[in-house]
């Protein structure tokens, strides 16, 4: 059986704005009363300099929109972004849409039927027998189970698979409130929009997917939530999340590497989902990484914010374009559950 290989990545992002512009032009008025000073500190310490938004609050305030209107807008904005990302990934892999055997779409920020998987398959000219899978509401770690499912298909069927992660978090700004709600402030300070596609093929050049693994601590299920409300989707984010990660991340990574006879020192690329600066600091400490071990993750947070599921693929792209490119990569992402996912990749030329 051929090893599944990531043969091409494609990225599409809406226009960006600086964190300072977003604060001064919108959020400084969105948060009122005693909340405003706290929000300003959180924005300043977010580790984010620029973010992308399909629906920029500087131009259009969606915070009082009902969920139905937000979902209609999701289809309008996500379809062209997804098409652009998929087109670039297929071009990078040297394939056409008709070659795709399985098309997986991950998104937790918008839902409709027919969904992105159906509409993109139609518009891009995928074959009628292309299988489709939609992975919804898994949040920031969804790219890795998506990558695992795509890799399993490629291994079993010997045909290419296509993974698309598309998130429009800008559609879920919550209504203004004078009540102190640190969890909402943090989410408003961090999240961003992006679409990233990956083509996985049997063998060849690229990053071989050696294993995807996970651990879930269901005793902390209430620490991270994403609730559908009448005013869009609302994030719940406990400050205890870093503590949970600190209990599990070392064991998850050590066990993964041990199964492949690899040590941490032999990993030269770390694609760690930047849920925020504290998340990266905890992972860096627990894995005893060198000072620049998470440079790519921090740079991605700085330039793009937390884009939810596409973010680890953005970091992977950065590591692959570095000079020299990373040869062996561990990907880590975290989300509701609390769930930790990890993947081991190595470069094949």
Protein backbone atom coordinates (compact mmCIF):
# COMPACT_ATOMS: atom_id res chain seq x y z
CA UNK A 1 0.00 0.00 0.00
CA UNK A 2 1.23 3.49 -0.87
CA UNK A 3 1.96 6.04 1.84
CA UNK A 4 -0.49 8.99 1.77
CA UNK A 5 1.35 12.18 0.86
CA UNK A 6 0.27 15.83 1.02
CA UNK A 7 1.12 16.82 -2.55
CA UNK A 8 -0.29 20.34 -2.61
CA UNK A 9 -1.67 23.08 -0.40
CA UNK A 10 -3.82 26.02 -1.42
CA UNK A 11 -4.64 29.10 0.66
CA UNK A 12 -7.33 31.74 0.23
CA UNK A 13 -7.92 34.59 2.66
CA UNK A 14 -10.16 37.64 2.65
CA UNK A 15 -8.73 41.15 3.11
CA UNK A 16 -6.89 41.86 6.34
CA UNK A 17 -6.98 44.62 8.91
CA UNK A 18 -4.60 45.45 11.72
CA UNK A 19 -5.51 44.60 15.28
CA UNK A 20 -5.10 48.26 16.20
CA UNK A 21 -7.50 49.31 13.43
CA UNK A 22 -10.07 46.78 14.56
CA UNK A 23 -9.80 47.95 18.15
CA UNK A 24 -9.95 51.68 17.44
CA UNK A 25 -12.50 51.48 14.65
CA UNK A 26 -14.95 48.98 16.14
CA UNK A 27 -14.24 47.02 19.31
CA UNK A 28 -13.36 50.05 21.46
CA UNK A 29 -17.02 51.04 21.04
CA UNK A 30 -18.38 47.49 21.04
CA UNK A 31 -17.19 46.90 24.61
CA UNK A 32 -18.55 49.45 27.07
CA UNK A 33 -18.36 50.35 30.73
CA UNK A 34 -15.86 48.48 32.90
CA UNK A 35 -15.47 45.90 30.14
CA UNK A 36 -13.68 48.30 27.81
CA UNK A 37 -10.40 48.60 29.75
CA UNK A 38 -10.19 44.81 30.19
CA UNK A 39 -10.89 44.28 26.50
CA UNK A 40 -8.19 46.73 25.49
CA UNK A 41 -5.61 44.82 27.54
CA UNK A 42 -6.68 41.48 26.09
CA UNK A 43 -6.51 42.81 22.52
CA UNK A 44 -3.06 44.27 23.15
CA UNK A 45 -1.73 40.99 24.59
CA UNK A 46 -3.37 38.64 22.07
CA UNK A 47 -0.23 37.98 20.03
CA UNK A 48 -2.17 39.13 16.95
CA UNK A 49 -1.04 42.04 14.74
CA UNK A 50 -3.23 41.44 11.67
CA UNK A 51 -6.36 39.40 10.97
CA UNK A 52 -8.50 38.57 7.96
CA UNK A 53 -12.27 39.01 7.80
CA UNK A 54 -14.71 38.16 5.04
CA UNK A 55 -17.17 40.44 6.85
CA UNK A 56 -15.03 43.22 8.26
CA UNK A 57 -16.63 44.92 11.30
CA UNK A 58 -14.98 48.19 10.24
CA UNK A 59 -17.24 48.12 7.19
CA UNK A 60 -20.23 46.07 8.31
CA UNK A 61 -21.47 45.33 11.81
CA UNK A 62 -23.11 41.88 11.97
CA UNK A 63 -23.34 41.73 15.77
CA UNK A 64 -27.10 42.25 15.79
CA UNK A 65 -27.83 39.90 12.88
CA UNK A 66 -29.96 36.79 13.53
CA UNK A 67 -28.35 33.43 12.85
CA UNK A 68 -30.37 32.85 9.67
CA UNK A 69 -28.93 35.97 8.05
CA UNK A 70 -25.41 35.00 9.10
CA UNK A 71 -25.82 31.55 7.55
CA UNK A 72 -27.00 32.99 4.24
CA UNK A 73 -23.96 35.26 4.19
CA UNK A 74 -21.71 32.31 4.99
CA UNK A 75 -22.61 30.64 1.69
CA UNK A 76 -22.00 33.86 -0.22
CA UNK A 77 -18.53 34.39 1.25
CA UNK A 78 -17.28 30.82 1.79
CA UNK A 79 -17.94 29.50 -1.71
CA UNK A 80 -15.46 31.73 -3.59
CA UNK A 81 -12.84 31.38 -0.85
CA UNK A 82 -13.17 27.60 -0.93
CA UNK A 83 -13.01 27.54 -4.72
CA UNK A 84 -9.81 29.61 -4.70
CA UNK A 85 -8.12 27.44 -2.06
CA UNK A 86 -9.09 24.18 -3.77
CA UNK A 87 -7.99 25.44 -7.17
CA UNK A 88 -4.56 26.38 -5.85
CA UNK A 89 -4.12 23.06 -4.05
CA UNK A 90 -5.04 21.04 -7.15
CA UNK A 91 -2.67 23.11 -9.29
CA UNK A 92 0.15 22.61 -6.77
CA UNK A 93 -0.47 18.84 -6.86
CA UNK A 94 -0.74 18.73 -10.66
CA UNK A 95 -4.26 17.26 -10.57
CA UNK A 96 -7.68 18.21 -11.87
CA UNK A 97 -10.93 18.22 -9.93
CA UNK A 98 -12.02 15.11 -11.80
CA UNK A 99 -9.15 13.14 -10.22
CA UNK A 100 -10.50 13.56 -6.67
CA UNK A 101 -11.91 10.36 -5.15
CA UNK A 102 -12.92 11.82 -1.77
CA UNK A 103 -13.72 15.44 -0.96
CA UNK A 104 -13.77 16.40 2.74
CA UNK A 105 -14.92 19.81 3.97
CA UNK A 106 -14.36 20.96 7.56
CA UNK A 107 -16.21 23.98 8.92
CA UNK A 108 -17.82 24.96 12.22
CA UNK A 109 -18.86 28.50 11.27
CA UNK A 110 -21.58 27.90 8.70
CA UNK A 111 -24.18 25.31 7.70
CA UNK A 112 -26.55 24.86 4.80
CA UNK A 113 -27.71 22.09 2.49
CA UNK A 114 -26.61 21.85 -0.23
CA UNK A 115 -23.33 22.66 1.49
CA UNK A 116 -19.85 23.67 0.37
CA UNK A 117 -18.95 20.08 -0.46
CA UNK A 118 -21.83 19.75 -2.94
CA UNK A 119 -21.58 23.24 -4.43
CA UNK A 120 -17.81 23.14 -4.88
CA UNK A 121 -17.91 19.63 -6.35
CA UNK A 122 -20.46 20.94 -8.87
CA UNK A 123 -18.70 24.19 -9.71
CA UNK A 124 -15.21 22.68 -9.97
CA UNK A 125 -16.30 19.73 -12.11
CA UNK A 126 -15.65 16.82 -9.77
CA UNK A 127 -16.80 13.42 -10.99
CA UNK A 128 -20.30 12.23 -10.16
CA UNK A 129 -18.85 9.31 -8.19
CA UNK A 130 -16.64 11.52 -6.00
CA UNK A 131 -17.35 10.68 -2.38
CA UNK A 132 -17.96 13.55 0.02
CA UNK A 133 -17.68 14.06 3.75
CA UNK A 134 -18.61 17.11 5.82
CA UNK A 135 -16.95 17.53 9.23
CA UNK A 136 -18.83 20.12 11.26
CA UNK A 137 -18.61 21.67 14.72
CA UNK A 138 -15.30 20.04 15.67
CA UNK A 139 -13.68 23.45 15.92
CA UNK A 140 -9.99 24.23 15.82
CA UNK A 141 -8.70 20.65 15.58
CA UNK A 142 -10.93 19.53 12.67
CA UNK A 143 -8.13 19.62 10.09
CA UNK A 144 -6.38 16.66 11.69
CA UNK A 145 -9.27 14.16 11.78
CA UNK A 146 -9.98 15.40 8.26
CA UNK A 147 -6.39 14.66 7.28
CA UNK A 148 -6.64 11.26 8.95
CA UNK A 149 -9.81 10.32 7.06
CA UNK A 150 -8.34 11.52 3.77
CA UNK A 151 -5.14 9.55 4.39
CA UNK A 152 -7.07 6.38 5.23
CA UNK A 153 -9.06 6.71 2.00
CA UNK A 154 -5.90 7.23 -0.07
CA UNK A 155 -4.26 4.20 1.52
CA UNK A 156 -7.30 1.96 1.08
CA UNK A 157 -8.41 3.06 -2.39
CA UNK A 158 -5.21 4.27 -4.03
CA UNK A 159 -6.98 7.44 -5.21
CA UNK A 160 -6.42 11.13 -4.39
CA UNK A 161 -8.40 12.86 -1.65
CA UNK A 162 -9.01 16.56 -1.12
CA UNK A 163 -9.41 18.29 2.25
CA UNK A 164 -10.81 21.81 2.61
CA UNK A 165 -10.96 23.72 5.90
CA UNK A 166 -13.00 26.91 5.59
CA UNK A 167 -13.97 29.14 8.51
CA UNK A 168 -15.65 32.55 8.65
CA UNK A 169 -15.45 33.44 12.32
CA UNK A 170 -16.10 37.10 11.47
CA UNK A 171 -19.77 36.22 11.04
CA UNK A 172 -20.12 35.42 14.74
CA UNK A 173 -19.37 38.68 16.52
CA UNK A 174 -21.72 38.75 19.48
CA UNK A 175 -23.97 41.66 20.47
CA UNK A 176 -22.44 44.49 22.48
CA UNK A 177 -22.70 44.18 26.25
CA UNK A 178 -21.50 46.13 29.26
CA UNK A 179 -21.33 42.88 31.25
CA UNK A 180 -17.80 41.56 31.78
CA UNK A 181 -17.50 38.39 29.70
CA UNK A 182 -13.82 37.56 29.39
CA UNK A 183 -14.45 34.52 27.21
CA UNK A 184 -16.19 36.61 24.55
CA UNK A 185 -13.51 39.29 24.68
CA UNK A 186 -10.78 36.69 24.11
CA UNK A 187 -12.60 35.14 21.17
CA UNK A 188 -13.22 38.55 19.61
CA UNK A 189 -9.53 39.41 20.02
CA UNK A 190 -8.18 36.22 18.43
CA UNK A 191 -10.33 34.80 15.67
CA UNK A 192 -9.90 35.29 11.95
CA UNK A 193 -11.05 33.88 8.58
CA UNK A 194 -9.33 31.58 6.10
CA UNK A 195 -9.75 28.68 3.70
CA UNK A 196 -6.96 26.14 3.20
CA UNK A 197 -7.09 23.05 1.00
CA UNK A 198 -4.77 20.04 0.94
CA UNK A 199 -4.47 17.34 -1.73
CA UNK A 200 -3.45 13.90 -0.45
CA UNK A 201 -2.22 11.31 -2.97
CA UNK A 202 -0.80 7.76 -2.89
CA UNK A 203 2.98 8.16 -2.83
CA UNK A 204 5.16 10.73 -4.57
CA UNK A 205 6.77 13.95 -3.38
CA UNK A 206 5.49 15.96 -0.44
CA UNK A 207 4.80 15.39 3.24
CA UNK A 208 4.00 11.76 3.99
CA UNK A 209 1.34 11.33 6.67
CA UNK A 210 2.75 8.69 9.01
CA UNK A 211 0.03 8.76 11.66
CA UNK A 212 -2.84 10.82 13.06
CA UNK A 213 -3.73 10.25 16.72
CA UNK A 214 -5.83 11.84 19.45
CA UNK A 215 -6.77 11.95 23.12
CA UNK A 216 -9.97 13.38 24.62
CA UNK A 217 -10.50 14.36 28.25
CA UNK A 218 -14.30 14.24 28.54
CA UNK A 219 -14.16 15.32 32.19
CA UNK A 220 -13.43 18.83 30.90
CA UNK A 221 -16.08 18.91 28.15
CA UNK A 222 -17.53 22.17 29.48
CA UNK A 223 -14.21 24.01 29.15
CA UNK A 224 -14.67 24.79 25.46
CA UNK A 225 -18.07 25.21 23.81
CA UNK A 226 -19.50 26.55 20.56
CA UNK A 227 -23.21 27.09 20.94
CA UNK A 228 -25.73 27.93 18.23
CA UNK A 229 -27.76 30.91 19.48
CA UNK A 230 -30.27 33.30 17.97
CA UNK A 231 -27.35 35.74 17.48
CA UNK A 232 -24.91 33.46 15.68
CA UNK A 233 -22.53 30.97 17.29
CA UNK A 234 -21.20 31.78 20.73
CA UNK A 235 -17.80 30.71 22.03
CA UNK A 236 -17.25 29.43 25.56
CA UNK A 237 -13.58 29.31 26.49
CA UNK A 238 -12.48 28.47 30.01
CA UNK A 239 -9.18 29.90 31.32
CA UNK A 240 -8.47 26.33 32.55
CA UNK A 241 -7.86 25.04 28.99
CA UNK A 242 -4.05 25.49 29.17
CA UNK A 243 -3.99 23.43 32.38
CA UNK A 244 -5.77 20.55 30.65
CA UNK A 245 -3.37 20.68 27.71
CA UNK A 246 -0.44 20.63 30.11
CA UNK A 247 -1.68 17.29 31.52
CA UNK A 248 -1.98 15.52 28.17
CA UNK A 249 0.21 17.03 25.46
CA UNK A 250 3.56 15.49 26.49
CA UNK A 251 2.16 11.96 26.71
CA UNK A 252 0.34 12.30 23.39
CA UNK A 253 3.46 13.47 21.55
CA UNK A 254 5.88 11.08 23.26
CA UNK A 255 3.69 8.06 22.47
CA UNK A 256 3.28 9.16 18.84
CA UNK A 257 7.01 9.62 18.30
CA UNK A 258 7.89 6.38 20.13
CA UNK A 259 5.68 4.34 17.80
CA UNK A 260 7.83 5.56 14.91
CA UNK A 261 11.22 5.35 16.60
CA UNK A 262 11.62 9.12 16.59
CA UNK A 263 12.77 11.46 19.36
CA UNK A 264 11.65 15.03 19.91
CA UNK A 265 15.10 16.32 18.92
CA UNK A 266 14.62 14.75 15.47
CA UNK A 267 11.52 16.88 14.81
CA UNK A 268 12.52 20.09 13.03
CA UNK A 269 9.04 21.49 12.45
CA UNK A 270 6.26 22.08 14.98
CA UNK A 271 2.86 23.12 13.63
CA UNK A 272 1.00 23.86 16.86
CA UNK A 273 -2.44 25.42 16.70
CA UNK A 274 -2.10 28.90 18.25
CA UNK A 275 -5.28 29.03 20.30
CA UNK A 276 -3.62 32.02 21.97
CA UNK A 277 -0.25 32.95 23.48
CA UNK A 278 -0.88 30.94 26.67
CA UNK A 279 -1.58 27.77 24.66
CA UNK A 280 1.72 28.09 22.81
CA UNK A 281 3.61 28.82 26.03
CA UNK A 282 2.21 25.68 27.69
CA UNK A 283 3.06 23.44 24.74
CA UNK A 284 6.54 24.92 24.49
CA UNK A 285 7.15 24.29 28.20
CA UNK A 286 5.69 20.79 28.37
CA UNK A 287 7.50 19.56 25.25
CA UNK A 288 10.72 21.33 26.27
CA UNK A 289 11.05 22.88 22.84
CA UNK A 290 13.96 25.13 21.83
CA UNK A 291 13.40 28.92 21.82
CA UNK A 292 12.46 29.03 18.13
CA UNK A 293 10.57 25.73 18.11
CA UNK A 294 7.20 27.46 17.81
CA UNK A 295 8.35 30.40 15.69
CA UNK A 296 6.11 29.39 12.77
CA UNK A 297 3.08 29.03 15.03
CA UNK A 298 3.66 32.39 16.68
CA UNK A 299 4.24 34.10 13.33
CA UNK A 300 0.98 32.64 12.01
CA UNK A 301 -0.92 33.90 15.06
CA UNK A 302 0.72 37.31 14.64
CA UNK A 303 -0.12 37.65 10.93
CA UNK A 304 -3.40 35.75 10.66
CA UNK A 305 -4.91 35.30 14.12
CA UNK A 306 -6.66 32.08 15.11
CA UNK A 307 -8.50 30.90 11.98
CA UNK A 308 -9.91 27.80 13.70
CA UNK A 309 -9.56 24.62 11.59
CA UNK A 310 -7.37 26.01 8.73
CA UNK A 311 -4.71 27.34 11.11
CA UNK A 312 -2.49 24.26 11.44
CA UNK A 313 -2.47 23.96 7.64
CA UNK A 314 -1.33 27.59 7.40
CA UNK A 315 1.54 26.73 9.73
CA UNK A 316 2.36 23.60 7.72
CA UNK A 317 2.56 25.72 4.57
CA UNK A 318 4.93 28.13 6.32
CA UNK A 319 7.18 25.29 7.51
CA UNK A 320 7.22 23.78 4.01
CA UNK A 321 8.25 27.08 2.42
CA UNK A 322 11.00 27.81 4.94
CA UNK A 323 14.66 27.71 3.90
CA UNK A 324 15.49 24.97 4.51
CA UNK A 325 12.06 23.36 4.60
CA UNK A 326 11.24 21.30 7.66
CA UNK A 327 11.85 17.58 7.07
CA UNK A 328 9.89 16.05 9.95
CA UNK A 329 6.84 17.80 11.37
CA UNK A 330 4.53 17.25 14.31
CA UNK A 331 1.13 18.91 13.97
CA UNK A 332 -0.92 19.61 17.09
CA UNK A 333 -4.42 21.04 17.38
CA UNK A 334 -6.89 21.37 20.23
CA UNK A 335 -10.62 21.90 20.60
CA UNK A 336 -13.90 20.90 22.22
CA UNK A 337 -13.88 17.70 24.18
CA UNK A 338 -11.35 18.77 25.38
CA UNK A 339 -9.60 17.04 22.50
CA UNK A 340 -5.95 17.02 21.49
CA UNK A 341 -5.00 15.79 18.01
CA UNK A 342 -1.52 15.11 16.70
CA UNK A 343 -0.04 14.06 13.37
CA UNK A 344 3.46 13.00 12.32
CA UNK A 345 4.65 13.96 8.84
CA UNK A 346 7.95 13.56 7.07
CA UNK A 347 9.13 14.98 3.78
CA UNK A 348 9.55 12.77 0.73
CA UNK A 349 11.40 14.08 -2.35
